[in-house]
C-alpha atoms as a PDB file:
ATOM      1  CA  MET A   1      -1.233   5.288  21.659  1.00  0.00           C
ATOM      2  CA  GLU A   2      -3.287   5.694  18.507  1.00  0.00           C
ATOM      3  CA  PHE A   3      -2.293   3.634  15.466  1.00  0.00           C
ATOM      4  CA  ASN A   4      -1.483   6.715  13.344  1.00  0.00           C
ATOM      5  CA  ASP A   5       0.718   8.111  16.117  1.00  0.00           C
ATOM      6  CA  LEU A   6       2.504   4.782  16.384  1.00  0.00           C
ATOM      7  CA  LYS A   7       3.164   4.824  12.621  1.00  0.00           C
ATOM      8  CA  LYS A   8       4.611   8.350  12.895  1.00  0.00           C
ATOM      9  CA  LEU A   9       6.823   7.307  15.816  1.00  0.00           C
ATOM     10  CA  LEU A  10       8.110   4.282  13.910  1.00  0.00           C
ATOM     11  CA  LYS A  11       8.809   6.448  10.845  1.00  0.00           C
ATOM     12  CA  PHE A  12      10.675   8.953  13.043  1.00  0.00           C
ATOM     13  CA  SER A  13      12.723   6.131  14.630  1.00  0.00           C
ATOM     14  CA  LEU A  14      13.593   4.712  11.214  1.00  0.00           C
ATOM     15  CA  ASN A  15      14.696   8.194  10.107  1.00  0.00           C
ATOM     16  CA  GLU A  16      16.944   8.401  13.196  1.00  0.00           C
ATOM     17  CA  LYS A  17      18.545   5.075  12.257  1.00  0.00           C
ATOM     18  CA  GLN A  18      19.156   6.283   8.687  1.00  0.00           C
ATOM     19  CA  ILE A  19      20.750   9.518   9.931  1.00  0.00           C
ATOM     20  CA  ILE A  20      23.076   7.571  12.247  1.00  0.00           C
ATOM     21  CA  GLU A  21      24.141   5.398   9.309  1.00  0.00           C
ATOM     22  CA  LYS A  22      24.760   8.445   7.088  1.00  0.00           C
ATOM     23  CA  LEU A  23      26.861  10.088   9.796  1.00  0.00           C
ATOM     24  CA  GLN A  24      28.813   6.844  10.187  1.00  0.00           C
ATOM     25  CA  LEU A  25      28.638   7.005  13.970  1.00  0.00           C
ATOM     26  CA  PRO A  26      28.347   3.999  16.258  1.00  0.00           C
ATOM     27  CA  GLU A  27      24.721   3.791  17.406  1.00  0.00           C
ATOM     28  CA  ASP A  28      25.594   4.080  21.102  1.00  0.00           C
ATOM     29  CA  ALA A  29      27.559   7.297  20.384  1.00  0.00           C
ATOM     30  CA  PHE A  30      24.295   8.856  19.237  1.00  0.00           C
ATOM     31  CA  LEU A  31      22.394   7.986  22.457  1.00  0.00           C
ATOM     32  CA  PRO A  32      23.001  11.224  24.407  1.00  0.00           C
ATOM     33  CA  LEU A  33      21.757  13.272  21.441  1.00  0.00           C
ATOM     34  CA  LEU A  34      18.663  11.073  21.044  1.00  0.00           C
ATOM     35  CA  PHE A  35      17.930  11.333  24.773  1.00  0.00           C
ATOM     36  CA  SER A  36      18.337  15.102  24.704  1.00  0.00           C
ATOM     37  CA  ILE A  37      15.993  15.370  21.696  1.00  0.00           C
ATOM     38  CA  ARG A  38      13.386  12.979  23.097  1.00  0.00           C
ATOM     39  CA  PHE A  39      13.518  13.740  26.843  1.00  0.00           C
ATOM     40  CA  GLY A  40      15.268  17.114  27.089  1.00  0.00           C
ATOM     41  CA  GLY A  41      18.293  18.046  29.161  1.00  0.00           C
ATOM     42  CA  ASP A  42      21.970  17.188  28.983  1.00  0.00           C
ATOM     43  CA  TRP A  43      23.128  13.563  28.773  1.00  0.00           C
ATOM     44  CA  SER A  44      26.355  11.586  28.830  1.00  0.00           C
ATOM     45  CA  VAL A  45      27.330   7.988  28.197  1.00  0.00           C
ATOM     46  CA  LEU A  46      30.544   6.177  29.037  1.00  0.00           C
ATOM     47  CA  LYS A  47      30.694   2.914  27.105  1.00  0.00           C
ATOM     48  CA  ASN A  48      33.727   0.770  26.341  1.00  0.00           C
ATOM     49  CA  SER A  49      35.907   3.655  27.583  1.00  0.00           C
ATOM     50  CA  LYS A  50      34.321   5.924  24.902  1.00  0.00           C
ATOM     51  CA  LYS A  51      33.016   9.230  26.323  1.00  0.00           C
ATOM     52  CA  VAL A  52      29.993  10.827  24.651  1.00  0.00           C
ATOM     53  CA  MET A  53      28.063  13.902  25.823  1.00  0.00           C
ATOM     54  CA  ALA A  54      25.122  16.003  24.624  1.00  0.00           C
ATOM     55  CA  VAL A  55      24.667  19.560  25.886  1.00  0.00           C
ATOM     56  CA  LYS A  56      21.558  21.612  25.159  1.00  0.00           C
ATOM     57  CA  GLU A  57      21.150  25.365  24.801  1.00  0.00           C
ATOM     58  CA  LYS A  58      17.734  27.033  24.653  1.00  0.00           C
ATOM     59  CA  ILE A  59      17.339  30.212  22.625  1.00  0.00           C
ATOM     60  CA  THR A  60      14.036  32.053  22.818  1.00  0.00           C
ATOM     61  CA  ARG A  61      13.096  34.452  20.049  1.00  0.00           C
ATOM     62  CA  TYR A  62      10.204  36.783  20.743  1.00  0.00           C
ATOM     63  CA  ASP A  63       8.489  39.485  18.663  1.00  0.00           C
ATOM     64  CA  GLU A  64       7.272  42.212  21.048  1.00  0.00           C
ATOM     65  CA  LYS A  65       4.843  43.671  18.501  1.00  0.00           C
ATOM     66  CA  LYS A  66       3.184  40.358  17.639  1.00  0.00           C
ATOM     67  CA  GLN A  67       3.643  39.052  21.180  1.00  0.00           C
ATOM     68  CA  LEU A  68       4.651  35.756  19.668  1.00  0.00           C
ATOM     69  CA  GLY A  69       7.817  33.734  19.811  1.00  0.00           C
ATOM     70  CA  TYR A  70       9.418  30.325  20.001  1.00  0.00           C
ATOM     71  CA  THR A  71      12.257  28.528  21.735  1.00  0.00           C
ATOM     72  CA  LEU A  72      14.890  26.979  19.526  1.00  0.00           C
ATOM     73  CA  GLU A  73      16.958  24.148  20.982  1.00  0.00           C
ATOM     74  CA  ARG A  74      20.590  23.764  19.982  1.00  0.00           C
ATOM     75  CA  ILE A  75      22.098  20.465  21.087  1.00  0.00           C
ATOM     76  CA  TYR A  76      25.768  19.596  20.711  1.00  0.00           C
ATOM     77  CA  LEU A  77      26.961  16.001  20.621  1.00  0.00           C
ATOM     78  CA  PHE A  78      30.606  15.556  21.647  1.00  0.00           C
ATOM     79  CA  ILE A  79      32.518  12.331  21.162  1.00  0.00           C
ATOM     80  CA  GLU A  80      35.523  12.268  23.496  1.00  0.00           C
ATOM     81  CA  PRO A  81      34.850  15.763  24.902  1.00  0.00           C
ATOM     82  CA  LYS A  82      37.681  17.710  26.520  1.00  0.00           C
ATOM     83  CA  ILE A  83      37.415  20.895  28.543  1.00  0.00           C
ATOM     84  CA  LEU A  84      40.152  23.207  27.281  1.00  0.00           C
ATOM     85  CA  ASN A  85      39.446  26.108  29.609  1.00  0.00           C
ATOM     86  CA  GLN A  86      37.009  27.132  32.314  1.00  0.00           C
ATOM     87  CA  GLU A  87      36.469  30.476  33.982  1.00  0.00           C
ATOM     88  CA  GLY A  88      34.491  31.908  36.841  1.00  0.00           C
ATOM     89  CA  ARG A  89      32.626  30.219  39.643  1.00  0.00           C
ATOM     90  CA  ILE A  90      28.894  29.977  40.151  1.00  0.00           C
ATOM     91  CA  HIS A  91      27.165  28.587  43.238  1.00  0.00           C
ATOM     92  CA  ARG A  92      23.922  26.825  42.311  1.00  0.00           C
ATOM     93  CA  LEU A  93      21.452  24.199  43.428  1.00  0.00           C
ATOM     94  CA  GLU A  94      21.516  21.097  41.275  1.00  0.00           C
ATOM     95  CA  LYS A  95      19.748  17.748  41.154  1.00  0.00           C
ATOM     96  CA  CYS A  96      21.532  14.757  39.688  1.00  0.00           C
ATOM     97  CA  SER A  97      19.825  11.513  38.738  1.00  0.00           C
ATOM     98  CA  THR A  98      22.394   9.603  40.813  1.00  0.00           C
ATOM     99  CA  LYS A  99      21.411  11.401  44.033  1.00  0.00           C
ATOM    100  CA  ASN A 100      18.108  11.680  45.850  1.00  0.00           C
ATOM    101  CA  GLU A 101      18.221  15.361  46.768  1.00  0.00           C
ATOM    102  CA  ARG A 102      19.399  18.648  45.358  1.00  0.00           C
ATOM    103  CA  GLU A 103      22.704  20.033  46.546  1.00  0.00           C
ATOM    104  CA  LEU A 104      24.597  23.309  46.447  1.00  0.00           C
ATOM    105  CA  VAL A 105      27.551  22.951  44.049  1.00  0.00           C
ATOM    106  CA  GLN A 106      30.117  25.163  42.359  1.00  0.00           C
ATOM    107  CA  ARG A 107      30.332  25.242  38.584  1.00  0.00           C
ATOM    108  CA  PRO A 108      32.376  27.297  36.122  1.00  0.00           C
ATOM    109  CA  TYR A 109      30.522  30.171  34.496  1.00  0.00           C
ATOM    110  CA  GLN A 110      32.257  29.625  31.156  1.00  0.00           C
ATOM    111  CA  VAL A 111      33.847  26.562  29.540  1.00  0.00           C
ATOM    112  CA  LEU A 112      35.641  25.955  26.258  1.00  0.00           C
ATOM    113  CA  VAL A 113      35.035  22.396  25.009  1.00  0.00           C
ATOM    114  CA  ASP A 114      36.504  20.417  22.147  1.00  0.00           C
ATOM    115  CA  GLY A 115      36.011  16.835  21.058  1.00  0.00           C
ATOM    116  CA  ASP A 116      37.173  14.264  18.560  1.00  0.00           C
ATOM    117  CA  TYR A 117      33.796  14.745  16.847  1.00  0.00           C
ATOM    118  CA  ILE A 118      31.200  17.485  17.393  1.00  0.00           C
ATOM    119  CA  LEU A 119      27.731  17.487  15.896  1.00  0.00           C
ATOM    120  CA  GLU A 120      25.245  20.355  16.208  1.00  0.00           C
ATOM    121  CA  ALA A 121      21.522  19.623  16.122  1.00  0.00           C
ATOM    122  CA  ILE A 122      19.051  22.497  15.908  1.00  0.00           C
ATOM    123  CA  LEU A 123      15.426  21.759  16.769  1.00  0.00           C
ATOM    124  CA  ASN A 124      13.168  24.438  15.351  1.00  0.00           C
ATOM    125  CA  PRO A 125       9.541  24.272  16.540  1.00  0.00           C
ATOM    126  CA  MET A 126       8.440  26.612  13.745  1.00  0.00           C
ATOM    127  CA  ASP A 127       9.385  24.322  10.844  1.00  0.00           C
ATOM    128  CA  LEU A 128       9.473  20.988  12.732  1.00  0.00           C
ATOM    129  CA  LYS A 129      13.013  20.302  11.528  1.00  0.00           C
ATOM    130  CA  ILE A 130      16.054  18.843  13.255  1.00  0.00           C
ATOM    131  CA  SER A 131      19.033  20.257  11.345  1.00  0.00           C
ATOM    132  CA  LEU A 132      22.381  18.500  11.789  1.00  0.00           C
ATOM    133  CA  LYS A 133      25.839  19.913  11.078  1.00  0.00           C
ATOM    134  CA  LYS A 134      29.365  18.796  11.946  1.00  0.00           C
ATOM    135  CA  ILE A 135      31.390  21.397  13.873  1.00  0.00           C
ATOM    136  CA  HIS A 136      35.165  21.655  13.409  1.00  0.00           C
ATOM    137  CA  LYS A 137      36.248  23.922  16.269  1.00  0.00           C
ATOM    138  CA  PRO A 138      35.993  24.136  20.050  1.00  0.00           C
ATOM    139  CA  LEU A 139      32.810  25.656  21.456  1.00  0.00           C
ATOM    140  CA  LYS A 140      32.405  28.159  24.275  1.00  0.00           C
ATOM    141  CA  PHE A 141      29.468  27.766  26.653  1.00  0.00           C
ATOM    142  CA  THR A 142      28.349  30.199  29.339  1.00  0.00           C
ATOM    143  CA  GLY A 143      25.754  30.026  32.076  1.00  0.00           C
ATOM    144  CA  SER A 144      23.378  27.070  32.141  1.00  0.00           C
ATOM    145  CA  SER A 145      25.001  25.201  29.266  1.00  0.00           C
ATOM    146  CA  ALA A 146      28.440  25.595  30.914  1.00  0.00           C
ATOM    147  CA  PHE A 147      26.975  24.148  34.115  1.00  0.00           C
ATOM    148  CA  GLY A 148      25.629  21.237  32.047  1.00  0.00           C
ATOM    149  CA  VAL A 149      29.033  20.588  30.469  1.00  0.00           C
ATOM    150  CA  SER A 150      30.694  20.585  33.895  1.00  0.00           C
ATOM    151  CA  HIS A 151      28.071  18.240  35.351  1.00  0.00           C
ATOM    152  CA  GLU A 152      28.176  15.746  32.458  1.00  0.00           C
ATOM    153  CA  MET A 153      31.990  15.730  32.430  1.00  0.00           C
ATOM    154  CA  GLU A 154      31.878  14.683  36.086  1.00  0.00           C
ATOM    155  CA  HIS A 155      29.773  11.686  35.060  1.00  0.00           C
ATOM    156  CA  LEU A 156      32.130  10.817  32.197  1.00  0.00           C
ATOM    157  CA  ASN A 157      35.182  11.101  34.461  1.00  0.00           C
ATOM    158  CA  LYS A 158      33.444   9.115  37.229  1.00  0.00           C
ATOM    159  CA  VAL A 159      33.753  12.018  39.657  1.00  0.00           C
ATOM    160  CA  GLU A 160      30.985  12.584  42.169  1.00  0.00           C
ATOM    161  CA  SER A 161      29.985  16.203  42.690  1.00  0.00           C
ATOM    162  CA  GLN A 162      30.892  17.609  46.072  1.00  0.00           C
ATOM    163  CA  GLY A 163      28.207  19.902  47.352  1.00  0.00           C
ATOM    164  CA  LYS A 164      26.180  20.811  50.387  1.00  0.00           C
ATOM    165  CA  PRO A 165      22.774  19.194  50.773  1.00  0.00           C
ATOM    166  CA  PHE A 166      19.807  21.541  50.402  1.00  0.00           C
ATOM    167  CA  TRP A 167      18.781  20.885  54.015  1.00  0.00           C
ATOM    168  CA  GLU A 168      21.692  23.029  55.199  1.00  0.00           C
ATOM    169  CA  PHE A 169      19.613  26.020  54.064  1.00  0.00           C
ATOM    170  CA  GLU A 170      17.440  27.716  56.702  1.00  0.00           C
ATOM    171  CA  TYR A 171      13.978  29.128  56.171  1.00  0.00           C
ATOM    172  CA  GLU A 172      13.605  32.786  56.922  1.00  0.00           C
ATOM    173  CA  LEU A 173      10.225  34.495  57.129  1.00  0.00           C
ATOM    174  CA  LYS A 174      10.233  38.223  56.364  1.00  0.00           C
END
């Protein structure tokens, strides 16, 4: 890593620490959000019986005339998340870091989630900003983000997903 890049990374990390202090959150409660920002995806942490989860939504905005767009990332950090309601059933292939292979699982299509504390982070690639805002009401997720909530809640509740291994599929040549 180049020296100037290292300086920028250190400055960014110091800024993260300052934000955590301003939000008055325990540092480990911020981990899922930091992981989601730095590495992508949904994350959860269970530490000292405290449940923390980050769920990411991707929103792509595209101008047909200019043929130019960007993908905004909206990440929600939940401290002590609770699923209030879930609807529908989707069958999907999923890969979890705790398992070696993908498996066919069932997930809800829509979930309503609340938490003791909810923080929204919006990552905008057009202005290079990470905007943070506290949310004061339950949030509804559909599709991929609902699947992410369901998956991370399994981790937090120490429940192992029950699915069929991908090798139960059969190839079919047409």
